[in-house]
Amino acid sequence: MNITVYGIPNCDTVKRARAWLGEHAVAHHFHDFKKAGVPEARLDVWLQAVGWESLLNRKGTTWRKLDAATQATVVDAASARPLMLAQASIVKRPVVEWADGRITVGFDAEDWTAHLASRA
């Protein structure tokens, strides 16, 4: 399978997702936002597929540390995109590109199990 998991290795959700993939013997490639950044071309694909609001992590520390004026400027994909490129931690994790082209954000074991079962 050609699956890519994008995220930050010390993120608890990414850790759970990668452990789940390992437990289910699902081969995947891991793209580390901290080392390799958010890939600009892939971000555009994600924004199209899932929308900027699904990708923007407004619950995380990075968002909360932004001043109110900066937060107020993020109102659409065009304004969220440069922030996501500049601060990888503001992207909700993990972003997964599945072998069939599906893109998901976050980790949901039931959804992932159903998705893999439908591809088997």
PDB file of N, CA and C in Angstrom:
ATOM      1  N   MET A   1       0.834  -1.189   0.000  1.00  0.00           N
ATOM      2  CA  MET A   1       0.000   0.000   0.000  1.00  0.00           C
ATOM      3  C   MET A   1       0.872   1.244   0.000  1.00  0.00           C
ATOM      4  N   ASN A   2       0.411   2.254  -0.657  1.00  0.00           N
ATOM      5  CA  ASN A   2       1.137   3.505  -0.718  1.00  0.00           C
ATOM      6  C   ASN A   2       0.409   4.538   0.146  1.00  0.00           C
ATOM      7  N   ILE A   3       0.689   4.509   1.428  1.00  0.00           N
ATOM      8  CA  ILE A   3       0.040   5.401   2.391  1.00  0.00           C
ATOM      9  C   ILE A   3       1.094   6.327   2.971  1.00  0.00           C
ATOM     10  N   THR A   4       0.760   7.627   3.032  1.00  0.00           N
ATOM     11  CA  THR A   4       1.662   8.582   3.661  1.00  0.00           C
ATOM     12  C   THR A   4       0.946   9.228   4.837  1.00  0.00           C
ATOM     13  N   VAL A   5       1.611   9.211   5.969  1.00  0.00           N
ATOM     14  CA  VAL A   5       1.112   9.837   7.185  1.00  0.00           C
ATOM     15  C   VAL A   5       1.954  11.085   7.421  1.00  0.00           C
ATOM     16  N   TYR A   6       1.284  12.223   7.527  1.00  0.00           N
ATOM     17  CA  TYR A   6       1.956  13.492   7.761  1.00  0.00           C
ATOM     18  C   TYR A   6       1.665  13.937   9.188  1.00  0.00           C
ATOM     19  N   GLY A   7       2.699  14.393   9.875  1.00  0.00           N
ATOM     20  CA  GLY A   7       2.469  14.869  11.230  1.00  0.00           C
ATOM     21  C   GLY A   7       3.754  15.177  11.960  1.00  0.00           C
ATOM     22  N   ILE A   8       3.637  15.203  13.262  1.00  0.00           N
ATOM     23  CA  ILE A   8       4.747  15.500  14.159  1.00  0.00           C
ATOM     24  C   ILE A   8       4.912  14.280  15.060  1.00  0.00           C
ATOM     25  N   PRO A   9       6.120  13.710  15.122  1.00  0.00           N
ATOM     26  CA  PRO A   9       6.296  12.437  15.825  1.00  0.00           C
ATOM     27  C   PRO A   9       5.926  12.440  17.301  1.00  0.00           C
ATOM     28  N   ASN A  10       6.040  13.581  17.987  1.00  0.00           N
ATOM     29  CA  ASN A  10       5.718  13.588  19.413  1.00  0.00           C
ATOM     30  C   ASN A  10       4.251  13.927  19.692  1.00  0.00           C
ATOM     31  N   CYS A  11       3.446  14.107  18.645  1.00  0.00           N
ATOM     32  CA  CYS A  11       2.011  14.355  18.809  1.00  0.00           C
ATOM     33  C   CYS A  11       1.334  13.053  19.239  1.00  0.00           C
ATOM     34  N   ASP A  12       0.556  13.097  20.321  1.00  0.00           N
ATOM     35  CA  ASP A  12      -0.084  11.892  20.838  1.00  0.00           C
ATOM     36  C   ASP A  12      -1.006  11.225  19.818  1.00  0.00           C
ATOM     37  N   THR A  13      -1.743  12.016  19.047  1.00  0.00           N
ATOM     38  CA  THR A  13      -2.650  11.453  18.053  1.00  0.00           C
ATOM     39  C   THR A  13      -1.864  10.775  16.937  1.00  0.00           C
ATOM     40  N   VAL A  14      -0.780  11.379  16.525  1.00  0.00           N
ATOM     41  CA  VAL A  14       0.078  10.769  15.499  1.00  0.00           C
ATOM     42  C   VAL A  14       0.678   9.477  16.040  1.00  0.00           C
ATOM     43  N   LYS A  15       1.100   9.482  17.281  1.00  0.00           N
ATOM     44  CA  LYS A  15       1.650   8.262  17.893  1.00  0.00           C
ATOM     45  C   LYS A  15       0.618   7.140  17.880  1.00  0.00           C
ATOM     46  N   ARG A  16      -0.621   7.460  18.267  1.00  0.00           N
ATOM     47  CA  ARG A  16      -1.685   6.441  18.270  1.00  0.00           C
ATOM     48  C   ARG A  16      -1.965   5.933  16.861  1.00  0.00           C
ATOM     49  N   ALA A  17      -2.001   6.839  15.913  1.00  0.00           N
ATOM     50  CA  ALA A  17      -2.278   6.469  14.525  1.00  0.00           C
ATOM     51  C   ALA A  17      -1.177   5.561  13.976  1.00  0.00           C
ATOM     52  N   ARG A  18       0.050   5.917  14.203  1.00  0.00           N
ATOM     53  CA  ARG A  18       1.161   5.105  13.702  1.00  0.00           C
ATOM     54  C   ARG A  18       1.215   3.753  14.397  1.00  0.00           C
ATOM     55  N   ALA A  19       0.910   3.739  15.691  1.00  0.00           N
ATOM     56  CA  ALA A  19       0.870   2.462  16.410  1.00  0.00           C
ATOM     57  C   ALA A  19      -0.241   1.579  15.847  1.00  0.00           C
ATOM     58  N   TRP A  20      -1.399   2.171  15.570  1.00  0.00           N
ATOM     59  CA  TRP A  20      -2.523   1.425  15.000  1.00  0.00           C
ATOM     60  C   TRP A  20      -2.135   0.822  13.653  1.00  0.00           C
ATOM     61  N   LEU A  21      -1.491   1.621  12.803  1.00  0.00           N
ATOM     62  CA  LEU A  21      -1.047   1.113  11.503  1.00  0.00           C
ATOM     63  C   LEU A  21      -0.071  -0.048  11.684  1.00  0.00           C
ATOM     64  N   GLY A  22       0.837   0.087  12.642  1.00  0.00           N
ATOM     65  CA  GLY A  22       1.788  -0.991  12.922  1.00  0.00           C
ATOM     66  C   GLY A  22       1.101  -2.250  13.411  1.00  0.00           C
ATOM     67  N   GLU A  23       0.148  -2.088  14.323  1.00  0.00           N
ATOM     68  CA  GLU A  23      -0.602  -3.243  14.856  1.00  0.00           C
ATOM     69  C   GLU A  23      -1.394  -3.959  13.768  1.00  0.00           C
ATOM     70  N   HIS A  24      -1.804  -3.224  12.744  1.00  0.00           N
ATOM     71  CA  HIS A  24      -2.593  -3.810  11.657  1.00  0.00           C
ATOM     72  C   HIS A  24      -1.729  -4.124  10.433  1.00  0.00           C
ATOM     73  N   ALA A  25      -0.412  -4.088  10.620  1.00  0.00           N
ATOM     74  CA  ALA A  25       0.552  -4.419   9.573  1.00  0.00           C
ATOM     75  C   ALA A  25       0.304  -3.633   8.287  1.00  0.00           C
ATOM     76  N   VAL A  26       0.022  -2.347   8.454  1.00  0.00           N
ATOM     77  CA  VAL A  26      -0.215  -1.474   7.303  1.00  0.00           C
ATOM     78  C   VAL A  26       1.065  -0.675   7.049  1.00  0.00           C
ATOM     79  N   ALA A  27       1.706  -0.965   5.944  1.00  0.00           N
ATOM     80  CA  ALA A  27       2.927  -0.255   5.582  1.00  0.00           C
ATOM     81  C   ALA A  27       2.584   1.190   5.245  1.00  0.00           C
ATOM     82  N   HIS A  28       3.443   2.082   5.667  1.00  0.00           N
ATOM     83  CA  HIS A  28       3.210   3.496   5.389  1.00  0.00           C
ATOM     84  C   HIS A  28       4.529   4.270   5.453  1.00  0.00           C
ATOM     85  N   HIS A  29       4.509   5.420   4.854  1.00  0.00           N
ATOM     86  CA  HIS A  29       5.633   6.351   4.920  1.00  0.00           C
ATOM     87  C   HIS A  29       5.225   7.473   5.876  1.00  0.00           C
ATOM     88  N   PHE A  30       6.158   7.929   6.704  1.00  0.00           N
ATOM     89  CA  PHE A  30       5.880   9.027   7.624  1.00  0.00           C
ATOM     90  C   PHE A  30       6.621  10.272   7.171  1.00  0.00           C
ATOM     91  N   HIS A  31       5.878  11.361   7.026  1.00  0.00           N
ATOM     92  CA  HIS A  31       6.464  12.665   6.678  1.00  0.00           C
ATOM     93  C   HIS A  31       6.415  13.539   7.935  1.00  0.00           C
ATOM     94  N   ASP A  32       7.575  13.886   8.439  1.00  0.00           N
ATOM     95  CA  ASP A  32       7.712  14.654   9.674  1.00  0.00           C
ATOM     96  C   ASP A  32       7.666  16.154   9.368  1.00  0.00           C
ATOM     97  N   PHE A  33       6.585  16.803   9.814  1.00  0.00           N
ATOM     98  CA  PHE A  33       6.441  18.241   9.597  1.00  0.00           C
ATOM     99  C   PHE A  33       7.597  19.022  10.216  1.00  0.00           C
ATOM    100  N   LYS A  34       8.104  18.574  11.341  1.00  0.00           N
ATOM    101  CA  LYS A  34       9.166  19.316  12.027  1.00  0.00           C
ATOM    102  C   LYS A  34      10.471  19.290  11.226  1.00  0.00           C
ATOM    103  N   LYS A  35      10.756  18.163  10.589  1.00  0.00           N
ATOM    104  CA  LYS A  35      11.998  18.036   9.829  1.00  0.00           C
ATOM    105  C   LYS A  35      11.849  18.483   8.383  1.00  0.00           C
ATOM    106  N   ALA A  36      10.725  18.164   7.771  1.00  0.00           N
ATOM    107  CA  ALA A  36      10.569  18.401   6.329  1.00  0.00           C
ATOM    108  C   ALA A  36       9.549  19.486   5.992  1.00  0.00           C
ATOM    109  N   GLY A  37       8.870  20.008   7.002  1.00  0.00           N
ATOM    110  CA  GLY A  37       7.881  21.056   6.771  1.00  0.00           C
ATOM    111  C   GLY A  37       6.600  20.527   6.143  1.00  0.00           C
ATOM    112  N   VAL A  38       5.673  21.434   5.948  1.00  0.00           N
ATOM    113  CA  VAL A  38       4.414  21.100   5.286  1.00  0.00           C
ATOM    114  C   VAL A  38       4.664  21.227   3.784  1.00  0.00           C
ATOM    115  N   PRO A  39       4.468  20.136   3.032  1.00  0.00           N
ATOM    116  CA  PRO A  39       4.722  20.223   1.593  1.00  0.00           C
ATOM    117  C   PRO A  39       3.670  21.099   0.908  1.00  0.00           C
ATOM    118  N   GLU A  40       4.131  22.171   0.302  1.00  0.00           N
ATOM    119  CA  GLU A  40       3.233  23.181  -0.246  1.00  0.00           C
ATOM    120  C   GLU A  40       2.235  22.608  -1.259  1.00  0.00           C
ATOM    121  N   ALA A  41       2.715  21.788  -2.170  1.00  0.00           N
ATOM    122  CA  ALA A  41       1.819  21.225  -3.190  1.00  0.00           C
ATOM    123  C   ALA A  41       0.783  20.290  -2.566  1.00  0.00           C
ATOM    124  N   ARG A  42       1.187  19.549  -1.556  1.00  0.00           N
ATOM    125  CA  ARG A  42       0.251  18.624  -0.890  1.00  0.00           C
ATOM    126  C   ARG A  42      -0.783  19.423  -0.094  1.00  0.00           C
ATOM    127  N   LEU A  43      -0.354  20.516   0.537  1.00  0.00           N
ATOM    128  CA  LEU A  43      -1.281  21.352   1.296  1.00  0.00           C
ATOM    129  C   LEU A  43      -2.412  21.832   0.397  1.00  0.00           C
ATOM    130  N   ASP A  44      -2.086  22.215  -0.820  1.00  0.00           N
ATOM    131  CA  ASP A  44      -3.128  22.655  -1.744  1.00  0.00           C
ATOM    132  C   ASP A  44      -4.129  21.534  -2.025  1.00  0.00           C
ATOM    133  N   VAL A  45      -3.638  20.317  -2.168  1.00  0.00           N
ATOM    134  CA  VAL A  45      -4.512  19.156  -2.392  1.00  0.00           C
ATOM    135  C   VAL A  45      -5.401  18.929  -1.165  1.00  0.00           C
ATOM    136  N   TRP A  46      -4.807  19.015   0.021  1.00  0.00           N
ATOM    137  CA  TRP A  46      -5.578  18.802   1.248  1.00  0.00           C
ATOM    138  C   TRP A  46      -6.660  19.857   1.411  1.00  0.00           C
ATOM    139  N   LEU A  47      -6.297  21.101   1.135  1.00  0.00           N
ATOM    140  CA  LEU A  47      -7.276  22.185   1.261  1.00  0.00           C
ATOM    141  C   LEU A  47      -8.472  21.938   0.335  1.00  0.00           C
ATOM    142  N   GLN A  48      -8.198  21.456  -0.873  1.00  0.00           N
ATOM    143  CA  GLN A  48      -9.270  21.131  -1.816  1.00  0.00           C
ATOM    144  C   GLN A  48     -10.110  19.960  -1.316  1.00  0.00           C
ATOM    145  N   ALA A  49      -9.443  18.939  -0.784  1.00  0.00           N
ATOM    146  CA  ALA A  49     -10.115  17.689  -0.410  1.00  0.00           C
ATOM    147  C   ALA A  49     -10.933  17.796   0.877  1.00  0.00           C
ATOM    148  N   VAL A  50     -10.358  18.418   1.905  1.00  0.00           N
ATOM    149  CA  VAL A  50     -11.024  18.401   3.218  1.00  0.00           C
ATOM    150  C   VAL A  50     -11.412  19.776   3.733  1.00  0.00           C
ATOM    151  N   GLY A  51     -10.902  20.824   3.099  1.00  0.00           N
ATOM    152  CA  GLY A  51     -11.240  22.177   3.531  1.00  0.00           C
ATOM    153  C   GLY A  51     -10.303  22.702   4.597  1.00  0.00           C
ATOM    154  N   TRP A  52     -10.158  24.014   4.610  1.00  0.00           N
ATOM    155  CA  TRP A  52      -9.218  24.655   5.538  1.00  0.00           C
ATOM    156  C   TRP A  52      -9.644  24.512   6.984  1.00  0.00           C
ATOM    157  N   GLU A  53     -10.945  24.508   7.240  1.00  0.00           N
ATOM    158  CA  GLU A  53     -11.399  24.425   8.631  1.00  0.00           C
ATOM    159  C   GLU A  53     -11.107  23.065   9.253  1.00  0.00           C
ATOM    160  N   SER A  54     -11.099  22.012   8.422  1.00  0.00           N
ATOM    161  CA  SER A  54     -10.746  20.684   8.922  1.00  0.00           C
ATOM    162  C   SER A  54      -9.251  20.571   9.190  1.00  0.00           C
ATOM    163  N   LEU A  55      -8.455  21.311   8.452  1.00  0.00           N
ATOM    164  CA  LEU A  55      -6.997  21.249   8.588  1.00  0.00           C
ATOM    165  C   LEU A  55      -6.435  22.150   9.672  1.00  0.00           C
ATOM    166  N   LEU A  56      -7.117  23.221   9.983  1.00  0.00           N
ATOM    167  CA  LEU A  56      -6.610  24.192  10.946  1.00  0.00           C
ATOM    168  C   LEU A  56      -6.903  23.732  12.373  1.00  0.00           C
ATOM    169  N   ASN A  57      -5.845  23.556  13.144  1.00  0.00           N
ATOM    170  CA  ASN A  57      -5.984  23.103  14.528  1.00  0.00           C
ATOM    171  C   ASN A  57      -6.135  24.309  15.455  1.00  0.00           C
ATOM    172  N   ARG A  58      -7.377  24.666  15.732  1.00  0.00           N
ATOM    173  CA  ARG A  58      -7.644  25.816  16.606  1.00  0.00           C
ATOM    174  C   ARG A  58      -7.635  25.448  18.093  1.00  0.00           C
ATOM    175  N   LYS A  59      -7.463  24.169  18.387  1.00  0.00           N
ATOM    176  CA  LYS A  59      -7.459  23.734  19.785  1.00  0.00           C
ATOM    177  C   LYS A  59      -6.041  23.608  20.346  1.00  0.00           C
ATOM    178  N   GLY A  60      -5.057  23.658  19.480  1.00  0.00           N
ATOM    179  CA  GLY A  60      -3.688  23.424  19.900  1.00  0.00           C
ATOM    180  C   GLY A  60      -2.994  24.637  20.479  1.00  0.00           C
ATOM    181  N   THR A  61      -1.852  24.389  21.063  1.00  0.00           N
ATOM    182  CA  THR A  61      -1.038  25.428  21.686  1.00  0.00           C
ATOM    183  C   THR A  61      -0.590  26.477  20.676  1.00  0.00           C
ATOM    184  N   THR A  62      -0.238  26.051  19.483  1.00  0.00           N
ATOM    185  CA  THR A  62       0.257  26.997  18.479  1.00  0.00           C
ATOM    186  C   THR A  62      -0.798  28.054  18.170  1.00  0.00           C
ATOM    187  N   TRP A  63      -2.037  27.626  17.997  1.00  0.00           N
ATOM    188  CA  TRP A  63      -3.127  28.575  17.721  1.00  0.00           C
ATOM    189  C   TRP A  63      -3.341  29.494  18.919  1.00  0.00           C
ATOM    190  N   ARG A  64      -3.370  28.917  20.108  1.00  0.00           N
ATOM    191  CA  ARG A  64      -3.632  29.710  21.308  1.00  0.00           C
ATOM    192  C   ARG A  64      -2.533  30.736  21.570  1.00  0.00           C
ATOM    193  N   LYS A  65      -1.317  30.470  21.108  1.00  0.00           N
ATOM    194  CA  LYS A  65      -0.214  31.406  21.306  1.00  0.00           C
ATOM    195  C   LYS A  65      -0.246  32.573  20.323  1.00  0.00           C
ATOM    196  N   LEU A  66      -1.032  32.432  19.258  1.00  0.00           N
ATOM    197  CA  LEU A  66      -1.138  33.544  18.297  1.00  0.00           C
ATOM    198  C   LEU A  66      -1.910  34.689  18.930  1.00  0.00           C
ATOM    199  N   ASP A  67      -1.536  35.902  18.587  1.00  0.00           N
ATOM    200  CA  ASP A  67      -2.292  37.034  19.114  1.00  0.00           C
ATOM    201  C   ASP A  67      -3.664  37.089  18.440  1.00  0.00           C
ATOM    202  N   ALA A  68      -4.590  37.740  19.091  1.00  0.00           N
ATOM    203  CA  ALA A  68      -5.981  37.795  18.616  1.00  0.00           C
ATOM    204  C   ALA A  68      -6.085  38.408  17.226  1.00  0.00           C
ATOM    205  N   ALA A  69      -5.254  39.377  16.936  1.00  0.00           N
ATOM    206  CA  ALA A  69      -5.294  40.024  15.616  1.00  0.00           C
ATOM    207  C   ALA A  69      -4.915  39.034  14.516  1.00  0.00           C
ATOM    208  N   THR A  70      -3.900  38.214  14.759  1.00  0.00           N
ATOM    209  CA  THR A  70      -3.500  37.204  13.772  1.00  0.00           C
ATOM    210  C   THR A  70      -4.594  36.160  13.614  1.00  0.00           C
ATOM    211  N   GLN A  71      -5.143  35.697  14.734  1.00  0.00           N
ATOM    212  CA  GLN A  71      -6.239  34.726  14.663  1.00  0.00           C
ATOM    213  C   GLN A  71      -7.397  35.276  13.849  1.00  0.00           C
ATOM    214  N   ALA A  72      -7.704  36.545  14.037  1.00  0.00           N
ATOM    215  CA  ALA A  72      -8.847  37.160  13.356  1.00  0.00           C
ATOM    216  C   ALA A  72      -8.653  37.258  11.851  1.00  0.00           C
ATOM    217  N   THR A  73      -7.405  37.215  11.378  1.00  0.00           N
ATOM    218  CA  THR A  73      -7.158  37.310   9.935  1.00  0.00           C
ATOM    219  C   THR A  73      -7.380  35.983   9.212  1.00  0.00           C
ATOM    220  N   VAL A  74      -7.486  34.886   9.957  1.00  0.00           N
ATOM    221  CA  VAL A  74      -7.669  33.570   9.344  1.00  0.00           C
ATOM    222  C   VAL A  74      -9.168  33.317   9.156  1.00  0.00           C
ATOM    223  N   VAL A  75      -9.624  33.571   7.934  1.00  0.00           N
ATOM    224  CA  VAL A  75     -11.061  33.509   7.654  1.00  0.00           C
ATOM    225  C   VAL A  75     -11.417  32.606   6.477  1.00  0.00           C
ATOM    226  N   ASP A  76     -10.398  32.128   5.742  1.00  0.00           N
ATOM    227  CA  ASP A  76     -10.659  31.275   4.596  1.00  0.00           C
ATOM    228  C   ASP A  76      -9.369  30.525   4.241  1.00  0.00           C
ATOM    229  N   ALA A  77      -9.436  29.707   3.193  1.00  0.00           N
ATOM    230  CA  ALA A  77      -8.265  28.917   2.795  1.00  0.00           C
ATOM    231  C   ALA A  77      -7.084  29.801   2.417  1.00  0.00           C
ATOM    232  N   ALA A  78      -7.369  30.908   1.736  1.00  0.00           N
ATOM    233  CA  ALA A  78      -6.293  31.802   1.299  1.00  0.00           C
ATOM    234  C   ALA A  78      -5.539  32.413   2.478  1.00  0.00           C
ATOM    235  N   SER A  79      -6.229  32.684   3.566  1.00  0.00           N
ATOM    236  CA  SER A  79      -5.561  33.269   4.733  1.00  0.00           C
ATOM    237  C   SER A  79      -4.987  32.194   5.659  1.00  0.00           C
ATOM    238  N   ALA A  80      -5.546  30.998   5.646  1.00  0.00           N
ATOM    239  CA  ALA A  80      -5.036  29.911   6.490  1.00  0.00           C
ATOM    240  C   ALA A  80      -3.777  29.279   5.901  1.00  0.00           C
ATOM    241  N   ARG A  81      -3.705  29.212   4.585  1.00  0.00           N
ATOM    242  CA  ARG A  81      -2.603  28.524   3.900  1.00  0.00           C
ATOM    243  C   ARG A  81      -1.225  29.038   4.307  1.00  0.00           C
ATOM    244  N   PRO A  82      -0.945  30.349   4.244  1.00  0.00           N
ATOM    245  CA  PRO A  82       0.405  30.806   4.615  1.00  0.00           C
ATOM    246  C   PRO A  82       0.746  30.524   6.083  1.00  0.00           C
ATOM    247  N   LEU A  83      -0.242  30.569   6.938  1.00  0.00           N
ATOM    248  CA  LEU A  83      -0.013  30.265   8.353  1.00  0.00           C
ATOM    249  C   LEU A  83       0.369  28.793   8.515  1.00  0.00           C
ATOM    250  N   MET A  84      -0.322  27.911   7.793  1.00  0.00           N
ATOM    251  CA  MET A  84      -0.020  26.482   7.866  1.00  0.00           C
ATOM    252  C   MET A  84       1.374  26.181   7.333  1.00  0.00           C
ATOM    253  N   LEU A  85       1.781  26.886   6.298  1.00  0.00           N
ATOM    254  CA  LEU A  85       3.122  26.682   5.754  1.00  0.00           C
ATOM    255  C   LEU A  85       4.194  27.209   6.710  1.00  0.00           C
ATOM    256  N   ALA A  86       3.908  28.311   7.364  1.00  0.00           N
ATOM    257  CA  ALA A  86       4.881  28.928   8.268  1.00  0.00           C
ATOM    258  C   ALA A  86       4.972  28.207   9.611  1.00  0.00           C
ATOM    259  N   GLN A  87       3.842  27.674  10.079  1.00  0.00           N
ATOM    260  CA  GLN A  87       3.794  27.036  11.396  1.00  0.00           C
ATOM    261  C   GLN A  87       3.131  25.669  11.274  1.00  0.00           C
ATOM    262  N   ALA A  88       3.953  24.674  11.008  1.00  0.00           N
ATOM    263  CA  ALA A  88       3.439  23.326  10.754  1.00  0.00           C
ATOM    264  C   ALA A  88       2.577  22.795  11.896  1.00  0.00           C
ATOM    265  N   SER A  89       2.843  23.226  13.108  1.00  0.00           N
ATOM    266  CA  SER A  89       2.092  22.733  14.260  1.00  0.00           C
ATOM    267  C   SER A  89       0.628  23.167  14.250  1.00  0.00           C
ATOM    268  N   ILE A  90       0.285  24.086  13.384  1.00  0.00           N
ATOM    269  CA  ILE A  90      -1.092  24.569  13.325  1.00  0.00           C
ATOM    270  C   ILE A  90      -1.957  23.668  12.440  1.00  0.00           C
ATOM    271  N   VAL A  91      -1.319  22.713  11.757  1.00  0.00           N
ATOM    272  CA  VAL A  91      -2.057  21.750  10.934  1.00  0.00           C
ATOM    273  C   VAL A  91      -2.522  20.604  11.826  1.00  0.00           C
ATOM    274  N   LYS A  92      -3.813  20.318  11.771  1.00  0.00           N
ATOM    275  CA  LYS A  92      -4.376  19.214  12.542  1.00  0.00           C
ATOM    276  C   LYS A  92      -3.739  17.914  12.063  1.00  0.00           C
ATOM    277  N   ARG A  93      -3.480  17.013  12.981  1.00  0.00           N
ATOM    278  CA  ARG A  93      -2.727  15.806  12.667  1.00  0.00           C
ATOM    279  C   ARG A  93      -3.423  14.543  13.143  1.00  0.00           C
ATOM    280  N   PRO A  94      -3.051  13.429  12.506  1.00  0.00           N
ATOM    281  CA  PRO A  94      -2.276  13.306  11.286  1.00  0.00           C
ATOM    282  C   PRO A  94      -3.122  13.571  10.042  1.00  0.00           C
ATOM    283  N   VAL A  95      -2.456  14.001   8.999  1.00  0.00           N
ATOM    284  CA  VAL A  95      -3.074  14.037   7.676  1.00  0.00           C
ATOM    285  C   VAL A  95      -2.606  12.757   7.006  1.00  0.00           C
ATOM    286  N   VAL A  96      -3.550  11.988   6.471  1.00  0.00           N
ATOM    287  CA  VAL A  96      -3.193  10.715   5.838  1.00  0.00           C
ATOM    288  C   VAL A  96      -3.662  10.728   4.394  1.00  0.00           C
ATOM    289  N   GLU A  97      -2.736  10.401   3.527  1.00  0.00           N
ATOM    290  CA  GLU A  97      -3.056  10.195   2.116  1.00  0.00           C
ATOM    291  C   GLU A  97      -3.070   8.685   1.903  1.00  0.00           C
ATOM    292  N   TRP A  98      -4.256   8.147   1.665  1.00  0.00           N
ATOM    293  CA  TRP A  98      -4.453   6.720   1.495  1.00  0.00           C
ATOM    294  C   TRP A  98      -4.112   6.312   0.064  1.00  0.00           C
ATOM    295  N   ALA A  99      -3.859   5.036  -0.126  1.00  0.00           N
ATOM    296  CA  ALA A  99      -3.463   4.512  -1.429  1.00  0.00           C
ATOM    297  C   ALA A  99      -4.504   4.780  -2.510  1.00  0.00           C
ATOM    298  N   ASP A 100      -5.770   4.862  -2.117  1.00  0.00           N
ATOM    299  CA  ASP A 100      -6.834   5.076  -3.104  1.00  0.00           C
ATOM    300  C   ASP A 100      -7.105   6.561  -3.375  1.00  0.00           C
ATOM    301  N   GLY A 101      -6.288   7.431  -2.775  1.00  0.00           N
ATOM    302  CA  GLY A 101      -6.440   8.861  -3.000  1.00  0.00           C
ATOM    303  C   GLY A 101      -7.236   9.586  -1.927  1.00  0.00           C
ATOM    304  N   ARG A 102      -7.881   8.842  -1.047  1.00  0.00           N
ATOM    305  CA  ARG A 102      -8.638   9.462   0.041  1.00  0.00           C
ATOM    306  C   ARG A 102      -7.686  10.199   0.971  1.00  0.00           C
ATOM    307  N   ILE A 103      -8.151  11.315   1.496  1.00  0.00           N
ATOM    308  CA  ILE A 103      -7.365  12.094   2.448  1.00  0.00           C
ATOM    309  C   ILE A 103      -8.191  12.240   3.716  1.00  0.00           C
ATOM    310  N   THR A 104      -7.582  11.902   4.847  1.00  0.00           N
ATOM    311  CA  THR A 104      -8.258  12.056   6.130  1.00  0.00           C
ATOM    312  C   THR A 104      -7.405  12.914   7.050  1.00  0.00           C
ATOM    313  N   VAL A 105      -8.080  13.521   8.017  1.00  0.00           N
ATOM    314  CA  VAL A 105      -7.402  14.341   9.017  1.00  0.00           C
ATOM    315  C   VAL A 105      -7.820  13.822  10.386  1.00  0.00           C
ATOM    316  N   GLY A 106      -6.842  13.576  11.246  1.00  0.00           N
ATOM    317  CA  GLY A 106      -7.135  13.027  12.564  1.00  0.00           C
ATOM    318  C   GLY A 106      -7.093  11.512  12.531  1.00  0.00           C
ATOM    319  N   PHE A 107      -7.323  10.919  13.681  1.00  0.00           N
ATOM    320  CA  PHE A 107      -7.282   9.462  13.792  1.00  0.00           C
ATOM    321  C   PHE A 107      -8.597   8.954  14.349  1.00  0.00           C
ATOM    322  N   ASP A 108      -9.213   8.041  13.609  1.00  0.00           N
ATOM    323  CA  ASP A 108     -10.441   7.384  14.029  1.00  0.00           C
ATOM    324  C   ASP A 108     -10.301   5.903  13.680  1.00  0.00           C
ATOM    325  N   ALA A 109     -10.028   5.066  14.675  1.00  0.00           N
ATOM    326  CA  ALA A 109      -9.755   3.644  14.444  1.00  0.00           C
ATOM    327  C   ALA A 109     -10.899   2.952  13.710  1.00  0.00           C
ATOM    328  N   GLU A 110     -12.137   3.254  14.074  1.00  0.00           N
ATOM    329  CA  GLU A 110     -13.280   2.612  13.408  1.00  0.00           C
ATOM    330  C   GLU A 110     -13.338   2.994  11.937  1.00  0.00           C
ATOM    331  N   ASP A 111     -13.152   4.266  11.645  1.00  0.00           N
ATOM    332  CA  ASP A 111     -13.165   4.735  10.255  1.00  0.00           C
ATOM    333  C   ASP A 111     -12.022   4.105   9.470  1.00  0.00           C
ATOM    334  N   TRP A 112     -10.849   4.057  10.047  1.00  0.00           N
ATOM    335  CA  TRP A 112      -9.698   3.478   9.362  1.00  0.00           C
ATOM    336  C   TRP A 112      -9.908   1.987   9.116  1.00  0.00           C
ATOM    337  N   THR A 113     -10.455   1.282  10.101  1.00  0.00           N
ATOM    338  CA  THR A 113     -10.723  -0.158   9.931  1.00  0.00           C
ATOM    339  C   THR A 113     -11.713  -0.372   8.792  1.00  0.00           C
ATOM    340  N   ALA A 114     -12.769   0.398   8.771  1.00  0.00           N
ATOM    341  CA  ALA A 114     -13.777   0.273   7.713  1.00  0.00           C
ATOM    342  C   ALA A 114     -13.175   0.610   6.358  1.00  0.00           C
ATOM    343  N   HIS A 115     -12.359   1.637   6.317  1.00  0.00           N
ATOM    344  CA  HIS A 115     -11.746   2.037   5.048  1.00  0.00           C
ATOM    345  C   HIS A 115     -10.833   0.934   4.512  1.00  0.00           C
ATOM    346  N   LEU A 116      -9.997   0.366   5.372  1.00  0.00           N
ATOM    347  CA  LEU A 116      -9.097  -0.695   4.928  1.00  0.00           C
ATOM    348  C   LEU A 116      -9.872  -1.941   4.515  1.00  0.00           C
ATOM    349  N   ALA A 117     -10.955  -2.245   5.257  1.00  0.00           N
ATOM    350  CA  ALA A 117     -11.765  -3.420   4.928  1.00  0.00           C
ATOM    351  C   ALA A 117     -12.423  -3.255   3.561  1.00  0.00           C
ATOM    352  N   SER A 118     -12.822  -2.053   3.234  1.00  0.00           N
ATOM    353  CA  SER A 118     -13.487  -1.812   1.943  1.00  0.00           C
ATOM    354  C   SER A 118     -12.498  -1.905   0.785  1.00  0.00           C
ATOM    355  N   ARG A 119     -11.215  -1.809   1.069  1.00  0.00           N
ATOM    356  CA  ARG A 119     -10.186  -1.878   0.021  1.00  0.00           C
ATOM    357  C   ARG A 119      -9.618  -3.276  -0.115  1.00  0.00           C
ATOM    358  N   ALA A 120      -9.936  -4.153   0.808  1.00  0.00           N
ATOM    359  CA  ALA A 120      -9.361  -5.507   0.786  1.00  0.00           C
ATOM    360  C   ALA A 120     -10.015  -6.394  -0.249  1.00  0.00           C
TER     361      ALA A 120
END
